[in-house]
């Protein structure tokens, strides 16, 4: 994928602050410190579109990014163009503290998942080194219960030896009971084009 432009739009805590509905939207979620910001930057081909923090739970708002990209042709030129929005959801770790924060996180995410009509897919990022955790399973089931298309990506696979990666991807797919998991590394930039293709694929009938 050739990224033509990638821009921060705004942050919001509830529907009153969401940008007006427009292009298809892709929401990204995952446990705190899963590498969500790094994955967003890799997809957008930008070093600092989404702020990368070593502090788990740093993202406490829904951050929206406007993305324009074109498919690569076999000759390396530009093919079909896409205009879309990335929505960066707060990490699960935000909900692991005080009960008030847990309630606030769930309300923020539930309002978005239930009310955002332009949401095309929910991308659940799982720590590929650690494997799927109960909170990841809960997130996938929650998204499915709301009839959203789920795309799962396993991050940080560069930390595993090459001969372990496929085995770990299969393990995570089994843990989450999903047909496919895309393995990616924001550091070595492998799997990024495959994740783009999976995101933009037409949903199964």
N, C-alpha and C. Protein backbone atom coordinates (compact mmCIF):
# COMPACT_ATOMS: atom_id res chain seq x y z
N UNK A 1 0.85 -1.19 0.00
CA UNK A 1 0.00 0.00 0.00
C UNK A 1 0.89 1.25 0.00
N UNK A 2 0.51 2.22 -0.80
CA UNK A 2 1.23 3.48 -0.84
C UNK A 2 0.39 4.51 -0.08
N UNK A 3 0.90 5.00 1.03
CA UNK A 3 0.16 5.98 1.83
C UNK A 3 0.43 7.38 1.27
N UNK A 4 -0.63 8.03 0.83
CA UNK A 4 -0.51 9.35 0.22
C UNK A 4 -0.53 10.47 1.26
N UNK A 5 -1.36 10.30 2.28
CA UNK A 5 -1.39 11.28 3.37
C UNK A 5 -1.94 10.61 4.62
N UNK A 6 -1.52 11.10 5.76
CA UNK A 6 -1.98 10.58 7.05
C UNK A 6 -1.95 11.73 8.04
N UNK A 7 -3.12 12.09 8.55
CA UNK A 7 -3.21 13.28 9.41
C UNK A 7 -4.08 13.01 10.64
N UNK A 8 -3.63 13.54 11.77
CA UNK A 8 -4.45 13.50 12.98
C UNK A 8 -5.64 14.42 12.78
N UNK A 9 -6.84 13.94 13.16
CA UNK A 9 -8.05 14.74 13.01
C UNK A 9 -8.44 15.35 14.34
N UNK A 10 -8.73 14.51 15.35
CA UNK A 10 -9.14 15.01 16.66
C UNK A 10 -9.22 13.86 17.64
N UNK A 11 -9.38 14.19 18.91
CA UNK A 11 -9.61 13.22 19.97
C UNK A 11 -10.99 13.45 20.55
N UNK A 12 -11.59 12.40 21.09
CA UNK A 12 -12.93 12.53 21.65
C UNK A 12 -13.13 11.53 22.78
N UNK A 13 -14.02 11.87 23.70
CA UNK A 13 -14.39 10.96 24.77
C UNK A 13 -15.79 10.38 24.56
N UNK A 14 -16.60 11.05 23.73
CA UNK A 14 -17.95 10.56 23.49
C UNK A 14 -18.43 11.02 22.11
N UNK A 15 -19.65 10.66 21.78
CA UNK A 15 -20.18 10.90 20.44
C UNK A 15 -20.23 12.38 20.07
N UNK A 16 -20.32 13.23 21.05
CA UNK A 16 -20.38 14.68 20.77
C UNK A 16 -19.07 15.16 20.14
N UNK A 17 -17.99 14.45 20.39
CA UNK A 17 -16.70 14.88 19.87
C UNK A 17 -16.23 14.13 18.64
N UNK A 18 -16.97 13.10 18.22
CA UNK A 18 -16.55 12.35 17.04
C UNK A 18 -16.56 13.26 15.81
N UNK A 19 -15.66 13.03 14.87
CA UNK A 19 -15.74 13.78 13.60
C UNK A 19 -16.99 13.37 12.84
N UNK A 20 -17.50 14.21 11.95
CA UNK A 20 -18.69 13.84 11.18
C UNK A 20 -18.46 12.54 10.43
N UNK A 21 -19.51 11.73 10.33
CA UNK A 21 -19.40 10.47 9.61
C UNK A 21 -19.04 10.73 8.16
N UNK A 22 -18.06 9.98 7.68
CA UNK A 22 -17.61 10.16 6.30
C UNK A 22 -17.09 8.87 5.73
N UNK A 23 -15.76 8.78 5.51
CA UNK A 23 -15.19 7.56 4.93
C UNK A 23 -15.33 6.37 5.87
N UNK A 24 -15.14 5.17 5.33
CA UNK A 24 -15.13 3.98 6.16
C UNK A 24 -14.11 4.13 7.28
N UNK A 25 -14.48 3.62 8.44
CA UNK A 25 -13.63 3.76 9.62
C UNK A 25 -13.15 2.38 10.07
N UNK A 26 -11.91 2.33 10.54
CA UNK A 26 -11.32 1.11 11.05
C UNK A 26 -10.84 1.39 12.47
N UNK A 27 -11.40 0.69 13.44
CA UNK A 27 -11.06 0.92 14.84
C UNK A 27 -10.01 -0.08 15.30
N UNK A 28 -9.03 0.40 16.04
CA UNK A 28 -7.94 -0.44 16.53
C UNK A 28 -8.00 -0.52 18.05
N UNK A 29 -7.95 -1.73 18.56
CA UNK A 29 -7.98 -1.92 20.00
C UNK A 29 -7.00 -3.02 20.41
N UNK A 30 -6.67 -3.06 21.67
CA UNK A 30 -5.76 -4.07 22.18
C UNK A 30 -5.39 -3.77 23.62
N UNK A 31 -4.75 -4.72 24.26
CA UNK A 31 -4.29 -4.51 25.62
C UNK A 31 -3.24 -3.41 25.64
N UNK A 32 -3.14 -2.71 26.77
CA UNK A 32 -2.12 -1.68 26.91
C UNK A 32 -0.74 -2.28 26.67
N UNK A 33 0.08 -1.55 25.96
CA UNK A 33 1.45 -1.96 25.65
C UNK A 33 1.52 -3.08 24.62
N UNK A 34 0.45 -3.26 23.84
CA UNK A 34 0.47 -4.29 22.80
C UNK A 34 1.23 -3.83 21.56
N UNK A 35 1.52 -2.53 21.50
CA UNK A 35 2.18 -1.98 20.32
C UNK A 35 1.20 -1.39 19.32
N UNK A 36 0.09 -0.90 19.84
CA UNK A 36 -0.97 -0.38 18.96
C UNK A 36 -0.52 0.88 18.21
N UNK A 37 0.10 1.82 18.92
CA UNK A 37 0.56 3.04 18.27
C UNK A 37 1.62 2.74 17.21
N UNK A 38 2.53 1.83 17.54
CA UNK A 38 3.57 1.46 16.57
C UNK A 38 2.95 0.81 15.34
N UNK A 39 1.92 -0.01 15.53
CA UNK A 39 1.25 -0.65 14.40
C UNK A 39 0.54 0.38 13.53
N UNK A 40 -0.12 1.35 14.17
CA UNK A 40 -0.79 2.42 13.42
C UNK A 40 0.23 3.22 12.60
N UNK A 41 1.35 3.53 13.21
CA UNK A 41 2.39 4.27 12.49
C UNK A 41 2.92 3.47 11.31
N UNK A 42 3.07 2.16 11.49
CA UNK A 42 3.56 1.32 10.39
C UNK A 42 2.55 1.27 9.25
N UNK A 43 1.28 1.12 9.58
CA UNK A 43 0.23 1.10 8.56
C UNK A 43 0.17 2.42 7.80
N UNK A 44 0.37 3.52 8.53
CA UNK A 44 0.28 4.85 7.93
C UNK A 44 1.60 5.30 7.33
N UNK A 45 2.65 4.46 7.45
CA UNK A 45 3.97 4.79 6.92
C UNK A 45 4.47 6.13 7.46
N UNK A 46 4.21 6.35 8.75
CA UNK A 46 4.66 7.56 9.42
C UNK A 46 5.35 7.17 10.72
N UNK A 47 6.36 7.94 11.12
CA UNK A 47 7.10 7.59 12.33
C UNK A 47 6.39 8.01 13.60
N UNK A 48 5.58 9.04 13.53
CA UNK A 48 4.99 9.56 14.76
C UNK A 48 3.56 10.06 14.58
N UNK A 49 2.80 9.38 13.73
CA UNK A 49 1.39 9.77 13.58
C UNK A 49 0.67 9.54 14.91
N UNK A 50 0.79 8.33 15.44
CA UNK A 50 0.24 8.01 16.75
C UNK A 50 1.39 8.03 17.74
N UNK A 51 1.16 8.62 18.87
CA UNK A 51 2.23 8.76 19.86
C UNK A 51 2.52 7.41 20.50
N UNK A 52 3.80 7.02 20.48
CA UNK A 52 4.22 5.76 21.10
C UNK A 52 4.70 6.06 22.50
N UNK A 53 4.14 5.35 23.48
CA UNK A 53 4.52 5.57 24.87
C UNK A 53 4.90 4.25 25.53
N UNK A 54 5.86 4.31 26.43
CA UNK A 54 6.22 3.13 27.20
C UNK A 54 5.31 2.96 28.40
N UNK A 55 4.45 3.94 28.64
CA UNK A 55 3.54 3.88 29.78
C UNK A 55 2.23 3.22 29.35
N UNK A 56 1.91 2.03 29.89
CA UNK A 56 0.65 1.37 29.53
C UNK A 56 -0.55 2.25 29.84
N UNK A 57 -1.54 2.21 28.95
CA UNK A 57 -2.77 2.95 29.20
C UNK A 57 -2.67 4.43 28.91
N UNK A 58 -1.66 4.85 28.12
CA UNK A 58 -1.47 6.28 27.86
C UNK A 58 -2.64 6.86 27.06
N UNK A 59 -3.17 6.09 26.11
CA UNK A 59 -4.28 6.58 25.29
C UNK A 59 -5.58 6.45 26.07
N UNK A 60 -6.14 7.57 26.48
CA UNK A 60 -7.39 7.54 27.25
C UNK A 60 -8.52 8.25 26.52
N UNK A 61 -8.30 8.48 25.25
CA UNK A 61 -9.31 9.09 24.39
C UNK A 61 -9.41 8.24 23.13
N UNK A 62 -10.44 8.47 22.33
CA UNK A 62 -10.49 7.88 21.00
C UNK A 62 -9.85 8.90 20.06
N UNK A 63 -8.77 8.51 19.41
CA UNK A 63 -8.05 9.39 18.50
C UNK A 63 -8.37 9.01 17.06
N UNK A 64 -8.71 10.00 16.25
CA UNK A 64 -9.11 9.78 14.86
C UNK A 64 -8.04 10.31 13.91
N UNK A 65 -7.73 9.51 12.87
CA UNK A 65 -6.73 9.87 11.88
C UNK A 65 -7.30 9.71 10.48
N UNK A 66 -7.08 10.70 9.64
CA UNK A 66 -7.54 10.66 8.25
C UNK A 66 -6.43 10.09 7.37
N UNK A 67 -6.75 9.03 6.63
CA UNK A 67 -5.75 8.33 5.83
C UNK A 67 -6.19 8.27 4.36
N UNK A 68 -5.27 8.60 3.48
CA UNK A 68 -5.48 8.42 2.04
C UNK A 68 -4.36 7.54 1.52
N UNK A 69 -4.73 6.46 0.83
CA UNK A 69 -3.74 5.48 0.38
C UNK A 69 -4.13 4.93 -0.98
N UNK A 70 -3.15 4.39 -1.66
CA UNK A 70 -3.38 3.78 -2.97
C UNK A 70 -2.76 2.39 -3.00
N UNK A 71 -3.43 1.47 -3.67
CA UNK A 71 -2.88 0.13 -3.81
C UNK A 71 -1.69 0.15 -4.77
N UNK A 72 -0.72 -0.71 -4.47
CA UNK A 72 0.44 -0.83 -5.35
C UNK A 72 0.10 -1.75 -6.52
N UNK A 73 0.45 -1.31 -7.72
CA UNK A 73 0.30 -2.19 -8.88
C UNK A 73 1.53 -3.10 -8.96
N UNK A 74 1.45 -4.10 -9.79
CA UNK A 74 2.58 -5.03 -9.92
C UNK A 74 3.84 -4.34 -10.43
N UNK A 75 3.64 -3.26 -11.16
CA UNK A 75 4.79 -2.53 -11.69
C UNK A 75 5.33 -1.50 -10.68
N UNK A 76 4.64 -1.42 -9.52
CA UNK A 76 5.08 -0.48 -8.50
C UNK A 76 4.39 0.86 -8.55
N UNK A 77 3.44 1.02 -9.47
CA UNK A 77 2.70 2.27 -9.58
C UNK A 77 1.50 2.31 -8.65
N UNK A 78 0.68 3.34 -8.84
CA UNK A 78 -0.52 3.50 -8.01
C UNK A 78 -1.72 2.86 -8.67
N UNK A 79 -2.47 2.12 -7.83
CA UNK A 79 -3.71 1.54 -8.29
C UNK A 79 -4.89 2.26 -7.65
N UNK A 80 -5.90 1.50 -7.26
CA UNK A 80 -7.11 2.07 -6.67
C UNK A 80 -6.77 2.85 -5.40
N UNK A 81 -7.41 4.01 -5.25
CA UNK A 81 -7.17 4.83 -4.07
C UNK A 81 -8.26 4.62 -3.02
N UNK A 82 -7.89 4.79 -1.76
CA UNK A 82 -8.81 4.60 -0.65
C UNK A 82 -8.71 5.79 0.30
N UNK A 83 -9.85 6.28 0.74
CA UNK A 83 -9.93 7.31 1.76
C UNK A 83 -10.61 6.68 2.97
N UNK A 84 -9.95 6.67 4.10
CA UNK A 84 -10.51 6.00 5.28
C UNK A 84 -10.05 6.70 6.55
N UNK A 85 -10.60 6.26 7.65
CA UNK A 85 -10.26 6.85 8.96
C UNK A 85 -9.83 5.73 9.90
N UNK A 86 -8.74 5.95 10.63
CA UNK A 86 -8.33 5.07 11.71
C UNK A 86 -8.85 5.66 13.01
N UNK A 87 -9.46 4.82 13.84
CA UNK A 87 -9.88 5.24 15.18
C UNK A 87 -9.07 4.43 16.20
N UNK A 88 -8.26 5.11 16.97
CA UNK A 88 -7.40 4.48 17.95
C UNK A 88 -8.12 4.47 19.30
N UNK A 89 -8.55 3.27 19.73
CA UNK A 89 -9.32 3.15 20.97
C UNK A 89 -8.38 2.98 22.17
N UNK A 90 -8.81 3.43 23.35
CA UNK A 90 -7.97 3.26 24.55
C UNK A 90 -7.68 1.78 24.81
N UNK A 91 -6.47 1.50 25.27
CA UNK A 91 -6.08 0.12 25.57
C UNK A 91 -6.83 -0.46 26.74
N UNK A 92 -6.90 -1.78 26.78
CA UNK A 92 -7.62 -2.45 27.87
C UNK A 92 -7.04 -2.09 29.23
N UNK A 93 -5.73 -1.80 29.29
CA UNK A 93 -5.09 -1.52 30.56
C UNK A 93 -5.68 -0.31 31.26
N UNK A 94 -6.30 0.56 30.46
CA UNK A 94 -6.98 1.73 31.03
C UNK A 94 -8.09 1.28 31.96
N UNK A 95 -8.63 0.07 31.73
CA UNK A 95 -9.75 -0.42 32.53
C UNK A 95 -9.31 -1.27 33.70
N UNK A 96 -7.99 -1.35 33.96
CA UNK A 96 -7.52 -2.25 35.00
C UNK A 96 -7.31 -1.54 36.34
N UNK A 97 -7.60 -0.25 36.39
CA UNK A 97 -7.38 0.49 37.62
C UNK A 97 -8.64 0.60 38.47
N UNK A 98 -8.97 1.84 38.82
CA UNK A 98 -10.13 2.06 39.68
C UNK A 98 -11.42 1.70 38.95
N UNK A 99 -12.43 1.34 39.73
CA UNK A 99 -13.71 0.92 39.14
C UNK A 99 -14.31 2.03 38.29
N UNK A 100 -14.15 3.27 38.73
CA UNK A 100 -14.71 4.40 37.97
C UNK A 100 -14.08 4.47 36.59
N UNK A 101 -12.77 4.18 36.51
CA UNK A 101 -12.10 4.21 35.21
C UNK A 101 -12.56 3.05 34.34
N UNK A 102 -12.81 1.90 34.97
CA UNK A 102 -13.30 0.74 34.23
C UNK A 102 -14.64 1.05 33.58
N UNK A 103 -15.53 1.65 34.36
CA UNK A 103 -16.86 2.00 33.86
C UNK A 103 -16.75 3.03 32.75
N UNK A 104 -15.89 4.03 32.93
CA UNK A 104 -15.72 5.08 31.93
C UNK A 104 -15.20 4.49 30.62
N UNK A 105 -14.20 3.60 30.72
CA UNK A 105 -13.65 2.97 29.51
C UNK A 105 -14.72 2.19 28.77
N UNK A 106 -15.46 1.37 29.50
CA UNK A 106 -16.46 0.54 28.83
C UNK A 106 -17.55 1.38 28.19
N UNK A 107 -17.99 2.42 28.87
CA UNK A 107 -19.02 3.29 28.31
C UNK A 107 -18.52 3.98 27.05
N UNK A 108 -17.26 4.45 27.06
CA UNK A 108 -16.70 5.13 25.91
C UNK A 108 -16.64 4.21 24.70
N UNK A 109 -16.15 2.98 24.93
CA UNK A 109 -15.98 2.03 23.83
C UNK A 109 -17.33 1.50 23.36
N UNK A 110 -18.22 1.22 24.30
CA UNK A 110 -19.53 0.68 23.91
C UNK A 110 -20.31 1.70 23.09
N UNK A 111 -20.26 2.96 23.49
CA UNK A 111 -20.96 3.99 22.72
C UNK A 111 -20.42 4.05 21.29
N UNK A 112 -19.09 3.94 21.16
CA UNK A 112 -18.49 4.00 19.84
C UNK A 112 -18.87 2.76 19.02
N UNK A 113 -18.70 1.58 19.58
CA UNK A 113 -18.96 0.35 18.82
C UNK A 113 -20.44 0.21 18.43
N UNK A 114 -21.32 0.70 19.28
CA UNK A 114 -22.75 0.61 18.98
C UNK A 114 -23.24 1.73 18.08
N UNK A 115 -22.59 2.88 18.15
CA UNK A 115 -23.16 4.05 17.49
C UNK A 115 -22.44 4.55 16.26
N UNK A 116 -21.28 3.99 15.95
CA UNK A 116 -20.51 4.52 14.81
C UNK A 116 -20.88 3.76 13.55
N UNK A 117 -21.78 4.33 12.76
CA UNK A 117 -22.33 3.64 11.59
C UNK A 117 -21.30 3.40 10.49
N UNK A 118 -20.26 4.22 10.43
CA UNK A 118 -19.27 4.08 9.35
C UNK A 118 -18.16 3.09 9.72
N UNK A 119 -18.26 2.45 10.89
CA UNK A 119 -17.24 1.49 11.30
C UNK A 119 -17.29 0.27 10.39
N UNK A 120 -16.20 0.02 9.67
CA UNK A 120 -16.15 -1.09 8.71
C UNK A 120 -15.54 -2.35 9.33
N UNK A 121 -14.60 -2.18 10.24
CA UNK A 121 -13.98 -3.35 10.86
C UNK A 121 -13.33 -2.95 12.18
N UNK A 122 -13.29 -3.90 13.10
CA UNK A 122 -12.61 -3.73 14.37
C UNK A 122 -11.34 -4.57 14.32
N UNK A 123 -10.19 -3.90 14.41
CA UNK A 123 -8.91 -4.60 14.35
C UNK A 123 -8.43 -4.82 15.78
N UNK A 124 -8.39 -6.08 16.19
CA UNK A 124 -7.95 -6.44 17.54
C UNK A 124 -6.49 -6.84 17.47
N UNK A 125 -5.65 -6.11 18.17
CA UNK A 125 -4.21 -6.38 18.20
C UNK A 125 -3.88 -7.20 19.44
N UNK A 126 -3.16 -8.30 19.23
CA UNK A 126 -2.80 -9.22 20.29
C UNK A 126 -1.28 -9.30 20.35
N UNK A 127 -0.73 -9.36 21.54
CA UNK A 127 0.71 -9.48 21.71
C UNK A 127 1.16 -10.85 21.20
N UNK A 128 1.87 -10.86 20.09
CA UNK A 128 2.26 -12.13 19.47
C UNK A 128 3.24 -12.92 20.29
N UNK A 129 4.01 -12.25 21.11
CA UNK A 129 4.98 -12.95 21.96
C UNK A 129 4.27 -13.59 23.16
N UNK A 130 3.32 -12.87 23.72
CA UNK A 130 2.61 -13.32 24.91
C UNK A 130 1.47 -14.28 24.60
N UNK A 131 0.81 -14.08 23.45
CA UNK A 131 -0.37 -14.87 23.11
C UNK A 131 -1.64 -14.19 23.57
N UNK A 132 -2.77 -14.72 23.15
CA UNK A 132 -4.06 -14.12 23.49
C UNK A 132 -4.35 -14.26 24.99
N UNK A 133 -4.86 -13.19 25.57
CA UNK A 133 -5.24 -13.17 26.98
C UNK A 133 -6.76 -13.15 27.10
N UNK A 134 -7.31 -13.45 28.30
CA UNK A 134 -8.76 -13.44 28.47
C UNK A 134 -9.41 -12.14 28.00
N UNK A 135 -8.74 -11.00 28.22
CA UNK A 135 -9.32 -9.72 27.79
C UNK A 135 -9.40 -9.63 26.27
N UNK A 136 -8.46 -10.28 25.56
CA UNK A 136 -8.51 -10.31 24.10
C UNK A 136 -9.70 -11.13 23.63
N UNK A 137 -9.88 -12.28 24.26
CA UNK A 137 -11.02 -13.13 23.92
C UNK A 137 -12.33 -12.38 24.15
N UNK A 138 -12.41 -11.68 25.27
CA UNK A 138 -13.61 -10.91 25.60
C UNK A 138 -13.87 -9.83 24.55
N UNK A 139 -12.80 -9.17 24.10
CA UNK A 139 -12.96 -8.10 23.12
C UNK A 139 -13.46 -8.64 21.79
N UNK A 140 -12.91 -9.76 21.35
CA UNK A 140 -13.34 -10.37 20.10
C UNK A 140 -14.80 -10.79 20.18
N UNK A 141 -15.18 -11.44 21.29
CA UNK A 141 -16.58 -11.87 21.43
C UNK A 141 -17.52 -10.66 21.50
N UNK A 142 -17.08 -9.60 22.17
CA UNK A 142 -17.89 -8.40 22.28
C UNK A 142 -18.13 -7.79 20.91
N UNK A 143 -17.06 -7.67 20.13
CA UNK A 143 -17.20 -7.12 18.79
C UNK A 143 -18.10 -7.97 17.92
N UNK A 144 -17.95 -9.28 18.02
CA UNK A 144 -18.80 -10.19 17.24
C UNK A 144 -20.26 -10.07 17.64
N UNK A 145 -20.50 -9.89 18.93
CA UNK A 145 -21.89 -9.79 19.41
C UNK A 145 -22.58 -8.54 18.87
N UNK A 146 -21.78 -7.54 18.47
CA UNK A 146 -22.32 -6.31 17.89
C UNK A 146 -22.29 -6.35 16.36
N UNK A 147 -22.01 -7.54 15.82
CA UNK A 147 -22.02 -7.78 14.37
C UNK A 147 -20.96 -7.00 13.62
N UNK A 148 -19.82 -6.74 14.26
CA UNK A 148 -18.72 -6.09 13.57
C UNK A 148 -17.80 -7.13 12.95
N UNK A 149 -17.22 -6.79 11.81
CA UNK A 149 -16.21 -7.65 11.23
C UNK A 149 -14.93 -7.50 12.05
N UNK A 150 -14.36 -8.63 12.44
CA UNK A 150 -13.17 -8.63 13.29
C UNK A 150 -11.95 -9.03 12.47
N UNK A 151 -10.90 -8.24 12.58
CA UNK A 151 -9.60 -8.57 11.99
C UNK A 151 -8.61 -8.65 13.15
N UNK A 152 -7.92 -9.77 13.26
CA UNK A 152 -6.97 -9.95 14.37
C UNK A 152 -5.54 -9.92 13.82
N UNK A 153 -4.69 -9.15 14.49
CA UNK A 153 -3.28 -9.08 14.13
C UNK A 153 -2.44 -9.37 15.37
N UNK A 154 -1.43 -10.20 15.21
CA UNK A 154 -0.49 -10.51 16.29
C UNK A 154 0.75 -9.62 16.12
N UNK A 155 1.03 -8.79 17.10
CA UNK A 155 2.13 -7.84 17.03
C UNK A 155 3.43 -8.43 17.58
N UNK A 156 4.52 -7.71 17.36
CA UNK A 156 5.82 -8.01 17.96
C UNK A 156 6.38 -9.37 17.56
N UNK A 157 5.99 -9.89 16.39
CA UNK A 157 6.46 -11.22 16.01
C UNK A 157 7.95 -11.26 15.70
N UNK A 158 8.57 -10.09 15.53
CA UNK A 158 10.02 -10.07 15.33
C UNK A 158 10.77 -10.58 16.56
N UNK A 159 10.09 -10.62 17.70
CA UNK A 159 10.71 -11.11 18.92
C UNK A 159 10.75 -12.64 18.99
N UNK A 160 10.06 -13.30 18.05
CA UNK A 160 10.05 -14.76 17.99
C UNK A 160 10.94 -15.22 16.85
N UNK A 161 11.52 -16.39 17.00
CA UNK A 161 12.30 -16.96 15.90
C UNK A 161 11.37 -17.27 14.74
N UNK A 162 11.90 -17.27 13.54
CA UNK A 162 11.08 -17.47 12.35
C UNK A 162 10.30 -18.78 12.40
N UNK A 163 10.91 -19.84 12.92
CA UNK A 163 10.22 -21.13 12.91
C UNK A 163 9.15 -21.23 13.99
N UNK A 164 9.06 -20.23 14.88
CA UNK A 164 8.01 -20.23 15.91
C UNK A 164 6.82 -19.37 15.52
N UNK A 165 6.99 -18.50 14.53
CA UNK A 165 5.95 -17.50 14.24
C UNK A 165 4.65 -18.14 13.77
N UNK A 166 4.72 -19.03 12.79
CA UNK A 166 3.51 -19.66 12.27
C UNK A 166 2.80 -20.45 13.36
N UNK A 167 3.56 -21.14 14.17
CA UNK A 167 2.98 -21.92 15.27
C UNK A 167 2.25 -21.01 16.25
N UNK A 168 2.85 -19.87 16.55
CA UNK A 168 2.22 -18.94 17.50
C UNK A 168 0.97 -18.30 16.90
N UNK A 169 1.01 -17.99 15.61
CA UNK A 169 -0.17 -17.43 14.95
C UNK A 169 -1.33 -18.42 14.99
N UNK A 170 -1.04 -19.69 14.72
CA UNK A 170 -2.09 -20.72 14.79
C UNK A 170 -2.62 -20.86 16.21
N UNK A 171 -1.74 -20.75 17.18
CA UNK A 171 -2.15 -20.86 18.58
C UNK A 171 -3.10 -19.72 18.96
N UNK A 172 -2.75 -18.52 18.54
CA UNK A 172 -3.60 -17.36 18.86
C UNK A 172 -4.95 -17.48 18.17
N UNK A 173 -4.95 -17.93 16.92
CA UNK A 173 -6.22 -18.13 16.20
C UNK A 173 -7.11 -19.12 16.95
N UNK A 174 -6.50 -20.18 17.49
CA UNK A 174 -7.27 -21.15 18.26
C UNK A 174 -7.77 -20.57 19.56
N UNK A 175 -6.94 -19.79 20.24
CA UNK A 175 -7.34 -19.17 21.51
C UNK A 175 -8.53 -18.24 21.32
N UNK A 176 -8.55 -17.53 20.19
CA UNK A 176 -9.60 -16.54 19.93
C UNK A 176 -10.76 -17.11 19.12
N UNK A 177 -10.60 -18.34 18.63
CA UNK A 177 -11.63 -18.98 17.80
C UNK A 177 -11.97 -18.12 16.59
N UNK A 178 -10.92 -17.68 15.88
CA UNK A 178 -11.08 -16.90 14.65
C UNK A 178 -10.39 -17.65 13.51
N UNK A 179 -10.86 -17.47 12.27
CA UNK A 179 -10.28 -18.23 11.16
C UNK A 179 -8.89 -17.79 10.74
N UNK A 180 -8.53 -16.53 11.03
CA UNK A 180 -7.24 -16.03 10.56
C UNK A 180 -6.67 -15.00 11.50
N UNK A 181 -5.35 -15.05 11.65
CA UNK A 181 -4.61 -14.03 12.39
C UNK A 181 -3.46 -13.58 11.50
N UNK A 182 -3.30 -12.27 11.35
CA UNK A 182 -2.20 -11.71 10.56
C UNK A 182 -1.04 -11.42 11.49
N UNK A 183 0.12 -11.97 11.20
CA UNK A 183 1.30 -11.71 12.00
C UNK A 183 2.05 -10.49 11.49
N UNK A 184 2.36 -9.55 12.39
CA UNK A 184 3.03 -8.32 11.96
C UNK A 184 4.18 -7.96 12.88
N UNK A 185 5.05 -7.12 12.37
CA UNK A 185 6.09 -6.49 13.17
C UNK A 185 6.20 -5.04 12.73
N UNK A 186 5.89 -4.13 13.64
CA UNK A 186 6.04 -2.70 13.32
C UNK A 186 7.52 -2.33 13.27
N UNK A 187 8.36 -3.13 13.92
CA UNK A 187 9.79 -2.85 13.94
C UNK A 187 10.45 -3.26 12.62
N UNK A 188 10.17 -4.47 12.17
CA UNK A 188 10.76 -4.97 10.93
C UNK A 188 9.85 -4.77 9.72
N UNK A 189 8.64 -4.27 9.96
CA UNK A 189 7.68 -3.92 8.92
C UNK A 189 7.23 -5.11 8.06
N UNK A 190 7.22 -6.32 8.63
CA UNK A 190 6.63 -7.41 7.87
C UNK A 190 5.18 -7.62 8.30
N UNK A 191 4.37 -8.10 7.36
CA UNK A 191 2.96 -8.33 7.62
C UNK A 191 2.08 -7.11 7.46
N UNK A 192 2.67 -5.93 7.24
CA UNK A 192 1.88 -4.70 7.18
C UNK A 192 1.01 -4.68 5.93
N UNK A 193 1.56 -5.04 4.78
CA UNK A 193 0.75 -5.08 3.55
C UNK A 193 -0.36 -6.13 3.66
N UNK A 194 -0.05 -7.26 4.30
CA UNK A 194 -1.07 -8.29 4.47
C UNK A 194 -2.21 -7.79 5.35
N UNK A 195 -1.86 -7.04 6.40
CA UNK A 195 -2.90 -6.48 7.27
C UNK A 195 -3.75 -5.47 6.50
N UNK A 196 -3.13 -4.64 5.68
CA UNK A 196 -3.90 -3.73 4.84
C UNK A 196 -4.89 -4.49 3.97
N UNK A 197 -4.43 -5.57 3.32
CA UNK A 197 -5.31 -6.35 2.45
C UNK A 197 -6.47 -6.96 3.23
N UNK A 198 -6.19 -7.45 4.41
CA UNK A 198 -7.24 -8.07 5.23
C UNK A 198 -8.26 -7.03 5.67
N UNK A 199 -7.80 -5.84 6.01
CA UNK A 199 -8.70 -4.77 6.43
C UNK A 199 -9.63 -4.37 5.31
N UNK A 200 -9.09 -4.24 4.10
CA UNK A 200 -9.87 -3.74 2.96
C UNK A 200 -10.65 -4.82 2.23
N UNK A 201 -10.44 -6.08 2.61
CA UNK A 201 -11.15 -7.17 1.94
C UNK A 201 -12.65 -7.06 2.16
N UNK A 202 -13.41 -7.45 1.17
CA UNK A 202 -14.85 -7.47 1.32
C UNK A 202 -15.25 -8.51 2.35
N UNK A 203 -16.19 -8.20 3.23
CA UNK A 203 -16.60 -9.17 4.25
C UNK A 203 -17.20 -10.41 3.62
N UNK A 204 -17.00 -11.53 4.28
CA UNK A 204 -17.56 -12.79 3.78
C UNK A 204 -19.08 -12.72 3.82
N UNK A 205 -19.75 -13.30 2.82
CA UNK A 205 -21.23 -13.25 2.79
C UNK A 205 -21.82 -14.05 3.93
